[in-house]
Amino acid sequence: MRSLLIFILVTGVVFSHPTLAYEEGDLQRLLESKSCPGCDLTGADLSGRALQHADLRTANLTGVRLVQANLHQANLAGARLVAAQLTGVDLSFANLSGADLRRASLRGDVYLIGFFDERPDLRGADLRGANFSSASFYNVRLENAIMDDATIMPAGFPKPQQVASPFQPLTTLDIDTSCPAGTRQTYKGCEPDS
C-alpha cells in the first residue's frame, strides 16, 4: 500500500510539472518555421529566442518563459499567456488582440509599441516597471494588475505618465492616441505626413 501511495505521488508531481507539459513537436515546429498557431507550448522555455514575425495565434503559452525574447510583429491573437514570464521581452507591434495575459509577469523593459484591439486580458499581471511607450490600449482588462512604476506614454504625448501608486487600482485603461490632421501614427508617435 505504501509503495502505491509513493508511486501515485511521484507520478502526480512528474506529470504536473509545467516544463514537461508542452508538445515537443510543437516546440520544434515553432523553432524551425516560426509558425505554430494553436500549438501547446505550456511551460516551455523560449528565453532569448528570436521569434519576430512568429505566428502563435491561439497558442497555449501558459507558464512559458519568454525572458529577453524577441516577439517583434509576432501574431499572438487569442494566445493564452497565463502566468507567462515576459521580463524584457520585445512585443513591439505584436498582435495581442484577445490575448489572455492574466498573472503574466511583464516586469522591467518590456517593449509594447503597437496596438491592442479585442480586449486583451491583463488581470493580475505583474507590470512593475514595464514600459508601455507608444502603446495604444483600448478596453484592456487590468483588474488587480500590479503597475508600480510602469510607464504609460501614449503616442504623440510629450512626457510619460508614471503609474506609481498601488493604492489607486487601475481597472480599465482607454488612451486616445489618435494623431492630429496632417500627421500619421508611427512607432515614434505622431509624425508629419510626408
C-alpha atoms as a PDB file:
ATOM      1  CA  MET A   1       0.000   0.000   0.000  1.00  0.00           C
ATOM      2  CA  ARG A   2       2.805   2.393   0.884  1.00  0.00           C
ATOM      3  CA  SER A   3       4.516   1.699  -2.488  1.00  0.00           C
ATOM      4  CA  LEU A   4       1.303   2.501  -4.337  1.00  0.00           C
ATOM      5  CA  LEU A   5       0.919   5.793  -2.464  1.00  0.00           C
ATOM      6  CA  ILE A   6       4.519   6.807  -3.256  1.00  0.00           C
ATOM      7  CA  PHE A   7       4.026   5.858  -6.918  1.00  0.00           C
ATOM      8  CA  ILE A   8       0.844   7.963  -7.136  1.00  0.00           C
ATOM      9  CA  LEU A   9       2.525  10.974  -5.504  1.00  0.00           C
ATOM     10  CA  VAL A  10       5.655  10.784  -7.689  1.00  0.00           C
ATOM     11  CA  THR A  11       3.597  10.280 -10.853  1.00  0.00           C
ATOM     12  CA  GLY A  12       1.400  13.256  -9.961  1.00  0.00           C
ATOM     13  CA  VAL A  13       4.401  15.514  -9.380  1.00  0.00           C
ATOM     14  CA  VAL A  14       6.194  14.444 -12.570  1.00  0.00           C
ATOM     15  CA  PHE A  15       3.165  14.808 -14.835  1.00  0.00           C
ATOM     16  CA  SER A  16       2.008  18.089 -13.321  1.00  0.00           C
ATOM     17  CA  HIS A  17       5.398  19.795 -13.738  1.00  0.00           C
ATOM     18  CA  PRO A  18       4.865  22.605 -16.299  1.00  0.00           C
ATOM     19  CA  THR A  19       8.180  22.130 -18.109  1.00  0.00           C
ATOM     20  CA  LEU A  20       7.042  18.646 -19.135  1.00  0.00           C
ATOM     21  CA  ALA A  21       3.625  19.789 -20.365  1.00  0.00           C
ATOM     22  CA  TYR A  22       4.418  21.162 -23.832  1.00  0.00           C
ATOM     23  CA  GLU A  23       4.345  19.127 -27.013  1.00  0.00           C
ATOM     24  CA  GLU A  24       7.923  18.573 -28.261  1.00  0.00           C
ATOM     25  CA  GLY A  25       6.691  18.506 -31.878  1.00  0.00           C
ATOM     26  CA  ASP A  26       5.038  21.902 -31.420  1.00  0.00           C
ATOM     27  CA  LEU A  27       8.257  23.355 -29.999  1.00  0.00           C
ATOM     28  CA  GLN A  28      10.324  22.045 -32.919  1.00  0.00           C
ATOM     29  CA  ARG A  29       7.773  23.365 -35.425  1.00  0.00           C
ATOM     30  CA  LEU A  30       7.929  26.834 -33.849  1.00  0.00           C
ATOM     31  CA  LEU A  31      11.732  26.932 -33.758  1.00  0.00           C
ATOM     32  CA  GLU A  32      12.073  25.725 -37.362  1.00  0.00           C
ATOM     33  CA  SER A  33       9.285  27.685 -39.054  1.00  0.00           C
ATOM     34  CA  LYS A  34       8.200  30.388 -36.563  1.00  0.00           C
ATOM     35  CA  SER A  35       4.657  29.240 -37.289  1.00  0.00           C
ATOM     36  CA  CYS A  36       2.695  27.271 -34.735  1.00  0.00           C
ATOM     37  CA  PRO A  37      -0.893  28.547 -34.496  1.00  0.00           C
ATOM     38  CA  GLY A  38      -2.936  26.718 -31.887  1.00  0.00           C
ATOM     39  CA  CYS A  39       0.005  24.710 -30.609  1.00  0.00           C
ATOM     40  CA  ASP A  40       0.633  23.730 -26.989  1.00  0.00           C
ATOM     41  CA  LEU A  41       3.851  25.172 -25.575  1.00  0.00           C
ATOM     42  CA  THR A  42       2.746  25.136 -21.933  1.00  0.00           C
ATOM     43  CA  GLY A  43       5.755  25.702 -19.671  1.00  0.00           C
ATOM     44  CA  ALA A  44       8.327  25.819 -22.498  1.00  0.00           C
ATOM     45  CA  ASP A  45      11.475  27.910 -22.020  1.00  0.00           C
ATOM     46  CA  LEU A  46      11.817  30.240 -25.010  1.00  0.00           C
ATOM     47  CA  SER A  47      14.024  32.773 -23.222  1.00  0.00           C
ATOM     48  CA  GLY A  48      16.266  34.785 -25.524  1.00  0.00           C
ATOM     49  CA  ARG A  49      14.726  33.286 -28.682  1.00  0.00           C
ATOM     50  CA  ALA A  50      14.411  35.327 -31.887  1.00  0.00           C
ATOM     51  CA  LEU A  51      10.720  34.824 -32.670  1.00  0.00           C
ATOM     52  CA  GLN A  52       9.985  38.014 -34.573  1.00  0.00           C
ATOM     53  CA  HIS A  53       7.069  37.600 -37.019  1.00  0.00           C
ATOM     54  CA  ALA A  54       6.146  34.270 -35.345  1.00  0.00           C
ATOM     55  CA  ASP A  55       2.581  33.041 -35.820  1.00  0.00           C
ATOM     56  CA  LEU A  56       1.332  31.908 -32.418  1.00  0.00           C
ATOM     57  CA  ARG A  57      -2.383  32.628 -32.861  1.00  0.00           C
ATOM     58  CA  THR A  58      -4.498  30.845 -30.235  1.00  0.00           C
ATOM     59  CA  ALA A  59      -1.405  29.005 -28.930  1.00  0.00           C
ATOM     60  CA  ASN A  60      -1.367  27.785 -25.333  1.00  0.00           C
ATOM     61  CA  LEU A  61       1.643  29.555 -23.816  1.00  0.00           C
ATOM     62  CA  THR A  62       0.601  29.112 -20.185  1.00  0.00           C
ATOM     63  CA  GLY A  63       3.604  29.408 -17.875  1.00  0.00           C
ATOM     64  CA  VAL A  64       6.023  29.851 -20.785  1.00  0.00           C
ATOM     65  CA  ARG A  65       9.360  31.642 -20.175  1.00  0.00           C
ATOM     66  CA  LEU A  66       9.997  34.312 -22.801  1.00  0.00           C
ATOM     67  CA  VAL A  67      12.564  36.350 -20.848  1.00  0.00           C
ATOM     68  CA  GLN A  68      14.512  38.640 -23.219  1.00  0.00           C
ATOM     69  CA  ALA A  69      12.778  37.034 -26.240  1.00  0.00           C
ATOM     70  CA  ASN A  70      12.153  38.968 -29.454  1.00  0.00           C
ATOM     71  CA  LEU A  71       8.490  38.760 -30.488  1.00  0.00           C
ATOM     72  CA  HIS A  72       8.539  41.865 -32.697  1.00  0.00           C
ATOM     73  CA  GLN A  73       5.492  41.739 -35.009  1.00  0.00           C
ATOM     74  CA  ALA A  74       4.513  38.289 -33.710  1.00  0.00           C
ATOM     75  CA  ASN A  75       0.881  37.253 -34.044  1.00  0.00           C
ATOM     76  CA  LEU A  76      -0.336  36.329 -30.552  1.00  0.00           C
ATOM     77  CA  ALA A  77      -4.039  36.962 -31.226  1.00  0.00           C
ATOM     78  CA  GLY A  78      -6.110  34.843 -28.878  1.00  0.00           C
ATOM     79  CA  ALA A  79      -2.998  33.257 -27.334  1.00  0.00           C
ATOM     80  CA  ARG A  80      -3.147  32.060 -23.742  1.00  0.00           C
ATOM     81  CA  LEU A  81      -0.160  33.571 -21.871  1.00  0.00           C
ATOM     82  CA  VAL A  82      -1.455  32.968 -18.338  1.00  0.00           C
ATOM     83  CA  ALA A  83       1.372  33.206 -15.767  1.00  0.00           C
ATOM     84  CA  ALA A  84       3.946  33.642 -18.554  1.00  0.00           C
ATOM     85  CA  GLN A  85       7.357  35.169 -17.727  1.00  0.00           C
ATOM     86  CA  LEU A  86       7.799  38.070 -20.177  1.00  0.00           C
ATOM     87  CA  THR A  87      10.530  40.110 -18.481  1.00  0.00           C
ATOM     88  CA  GLY A  88      12.480  42.174 -21.012  1.00  0.00           C
ATOM     89  CA  VAL A  89      10.530  40.801 -23.979  1.00  0.00           C
ATOM     90  CA  ASP A  90      10.161  42.790 -27.211  1.00  0.00           C
ATOM     91  CA  LEU A  91       6.462  42.758 -28.123  1.00  0.00           C
ATOM     92  CA  SER A  92       6.691  45.813 -30.365  1.00  0.00           C
ATOM     93  CA  PHE A  93       3.939  45.765 -32.991  1.00  0.00           C
ATOM     94  CA  ALA A  94       2.868  42.291 -31.837  1.00  0.00           C
ATOM     95  CA  ASN A  95      -0.797  41.414 -32.304  1.00  0.00           C
ATOM     96  CA  LEU A  96      -2.150  40.774 -28.801  1.00  0.00           C
ATOM     97  CA  SER A  97      -5.830  41.034 -29.728  1.00  0.00           C
ATOM     98  CA  GLY A  98      -7.814  38.850 -27.374  1.00  0.00           C
ATOM     99  CA  ALA A  99      -4.651  37.518 -25.703  1.00  0.00           C
ATOM    100  CA  ASP A 100      -5.009  36.272 -22.130  1.00  0.00           C
ATOM    101  CA  LEU A 101      -2.101  37.575 -20.027  1.00  0.00           C
ATOM    102  CA  ARG A 102      -3.630  37.010 -16.583  1.00  0.00           C
ATOM    103  CA  ARG A 103      -0.950  36.785 -13.882  1.00  0.00           C
ATOM    104  CA  ALA A 104       1.773  37.212 -16.504  1.00  0.00           C
ATOM    105  CA  SER A 105       4.981  38.948 -15.460  1.00  0.00           C
ATOM    106  CA  LEU A 106       5.908  41.790 -17.804  1.00  0.00           C
ATOM    107  CA  ARG A 107       8.403  43.418 -15.453  1.00  0.00           C
ATOM    108  CA  GLY A 108      11.117  45.843 -16.467  1.00  0.00           C
ATOM    109  CA  ASP A 109      11.918  46.832 -20.017  1.00  0.00           C
ATOM    110  CA  VAL A 110       9.040  45.276 -21.916  1.00  0.00           C
ATOM    111  CA  TYR A 111       8.504  46.840 -25.314  1.00  0.00           C
ATOM    112  CA  LEU A 112       4.816  47.089 -26.178  1.00  0.00           C
ATOM    113  CA  ILE A 113       4.806  49.556 -29.030  1.00  0.00           C
ATOM    114  CA  GLY A 114       1.718  48.937 -31.087  1.00  0.00           C
ATOM    115  CA  PHE A 115      -1.973  48.414 -30.726  1.00  0.00           C
ATOM    116  CA  PHE A 116      -4.334  46.274 -28.660  1.00  0.00           C
ATOM    117  CA  ASP A 117      -7.777  45.668 -30.056  1.00  0.00           C
ATOM    118  CA  GLU A 118     -10.105  42.935 -28.841  1.00  0.00           C
ATOM    119  CA  ARG A 119      -9.828  43.479 -25.066  1.00  0.00           C
ATOM    120  CA  PRO A 120      -6.539  41.887 -24.016  1.00  0.00           C
ATOM    121  CA  ASP A 121      -6.754  40.353 -20.557  1.00  0.00           C
ATOM    122  CA  LEU A 122      -4.032  41.572 -18.181  1.00  0.00           C
ATOM    123  CA  ARG A 123      -5.904  40.769 -14.947  1.00  0.00           C
ATOM    124  CA  GLY A 124      -3.449  40.177 -12.127  1.00  0.00           C
ATOM    125  CA  ALA A 125      -0.453  40.696 -14.426  1.00  0.00           C
ATOM    126  CA  ASP A 126       2.799  41.876 -12.854  1.00  0.00           C
ATOM    127  CA  LEU A 127       3.572  45.015 -14.844  1.00  0.00           C
ATOM    128  CA  ARG A 128       6.002  46.613 -12.379  1.00  0.00           C
ATOM    129  CA  GLY A 129       8.430  48.841 -14.223  1.00  0.00           C
ATOM    130  CA  ALA A 130       7.012  47.880 -17.629  1.00  0.00           C
ATOM    131  CA  ASN A 131       7.439  50.424 -20.393  1.00  0.00           C
ATOM    132  CA  PHE A 132       4.318  50.907 -22.495  1.00  0.00           C
ATOM    133  CA  SER A 133       5.751  53.756 -24.563  1.00  0.00           C
ATOM    134  CA  SER A 134       3.591  54.455 -27.595  1.00  0.00           C
ATOM    135  CA  ALA A 135       1.283  51.520 -26.861  1.00  0.00           C
ATOM    136  CA  SER A 136      -2.366  52.086 -27.669  1.00  0.00           C
ATOM    137  CA  PHE A 137      -4.690  50.493 -25.160  1.00  0.00           C
ATOM    138  CA  TYR A 138      -8.395  50.175 -25.726  1.00  0.00           C
ATOM    139  CA  ASN A 139     -10.673  48.372 -23.301  1.00  0.00           C
ATOM    140  CA  VAL A 140      -7.828  46.390 -21.699  1.00  0.00           C
ATOM    141  CA  ARG A 141      -8.754  44.330 -18.617  1.00  0.00           C
ATOM    142  CA  LEU A 142      -6.395  45.328 -15.794  1.00  0.00           C
ATOM    143  CA  GLU A 143      -8.192  44.237 -12.613  1.00  0.00           C
ATOM    144  CA  ASN A 144      -5.616  43.545  -9.874  1.00  0.00           C
ATOM    145  CA  ALA A 145      -2.693  44.255 -12.216  1.00  0.00           C
ATOM    146  CA  ILE A 146       0.427  45.468 -10.407  1.00  0.00           C
ATOM    147  CA  MET A 147       1.595  48.588 -12.219  1.00  0.00           C
ATOM    148  CA  ASP A 148       4.026  50.181  -9.760  1.00  0.00           C
ATOM    149  CA  ASP A 149       6.463  52.390 -11.662  1.00  0.00           C
ATOM    150  CA  ALA A 150       5.043  51.392 -15.047  1.00  0.00           C
ATOM    151  CA  THR A 151       5.439  53.996 -17.770  1.00  0.00           C
ATOM    152  CA  ILE A 152       2.442  54.699 -19.947  1.00  0.00           C
ATOM    153  CA  MET A 153       3.215  57.124 -22.755  1.00  0.00           C
ATOM    154  CA  PRO A 154       0.528  57.287 -25.418  1.00  0.00           C
ATOM    155  CA  ALA A 155       1.752  58.043 -28.915  1.00  0.00           C
ATOM    156  CA  GLY A 156       2.109  61.744 -29.545  1.00  0.00           C
ATOM    157  CA  PHE A 157       2.317  62.708 -25.878  1.00  0.00           C
ATOM    158  CA  PRO A 158       5.476  64.598 -24.904  1.00  0.00           C
ATOM    159  CA  LYS A 159       6.009  63.132 -21.417  1.00  0.00           C
ATOM    160  CA  PRO A 160       5.318  59.711 -19.949  1.00  0.00           C
ATOM    161  CA  GLN A 161       2.573  59.244 -17.407  1.00  0.00           C
ATOM    162  CA  GLN A 162       4.038  57.432 -14.430  1.00  0.00           C
ATOM    163  CA  VAL A 163       1.784  54.987 -12.580  1.00  0.00           C
ATOM    164  CA  ALA A 164       3.291  54.716  -9.117  1.00  0.00           C
ATOM    165  CA  SER A 165       0.543  54.348  -6.548  1.00  0.00           C
ATOM    166  CA  PRO A 166      -0.507  50.843  -5.521  1.00  0.00           C
ATOM    167  CA  PHE A 167      -3.423  52.414  -3.617  1.00  0.00           C
ATOM    168  CA  GLN A 168      -5.331  53.547  -6.692  1.00  0.00           C
ATOM    169  CA  PRO A 169      -6.327  50.401  -8.589  1.00  0.00           C
ATOM    170  CA  LEU A 170      -6.484  50.765 -12.334  1.00  0.00           C
ATOM    171  CA  THR A 171      -9.177  48.537 -13.808  1.00  0.00           C
ATOM    172  CA  THR A 172      -9.562  49.839 -17.351  1.00  0.00           C
ATOM    173  CA  LEU A 173      -7.316  51.918 -19.493  1.00  0.00           C
ATOM    174  CA  ASP A 174      -8.515  53.800 -22.539  1.00  0.00           C
ATOM    175  CA  ILE A 175      -5.950  56.133 -24.035  1.00  0.00           C
ATOM    176  CA  ASP A 176      -6.805  58.035 -27.175  1.00  0.00           C
ATOM    177  CA  THR A 177      -3.725  58.004 -29.347  1.00  0.00           C
ATOM    178  CA  SER A 178      -5.226  59.470 -32.471  1.00  0.00           C
ATOM    179  CA  CYS A 179      -2.944  61.828 -34.331  1.00  0.00           C
ATOM    180  CA  PRO A 180      -3.923  65.353 -35.379  1.00  0.00           C
ATOM    181  CA  ALA A 181      -4.747  66.149 -39.002  1.00  0.00           C
ATOM    182  CA  GLY A 182      -1.668  66.248 -41.228  1.00  0.00           C
ATOM    183  CA  THR A 183       0.190  63.639 -39.150  1.00  0.00           C
ATOM    184  CA  ARG A 184       0.352  59.851 -39.089  1.00  0.00           C
ATOM    185  CA  GLN A 185       0.913  57.216 -36.409  1.00  0.00           C
ATOM    186  CA  THR A 186       4.395  55.639 -36.336  1.00  0.00           C
ATOM    187  CA  TYR A 187       6.347  53.733 -33.706  1.00  0.00           C
ATOM    188  CA  LYS A 188       7.779  57.097 -32.598  1.00  0.00           C
ATOM    189  CA  GLY A 189       4.333  58.635 -32.114  1.00  0.00           C
ATOM    190  CA  CYS A 190       2.632  61.202 -34.345  1.00  0.00           C
ATOM    191  CA  GLU A 191       4.813  62.384 -37.216  1.00  0.00           C
ATOM    192  CA  PRO A 192       4.082  64.784 -40.084  1.00  0.00           C
ATOM    193  CA  ASP A 193       2.737  63.195 -43.258  1.00  0.00           C
ATOM    194  CA  SER A 194       5.366  63.094 -45.955  1.00  0.00           C
END
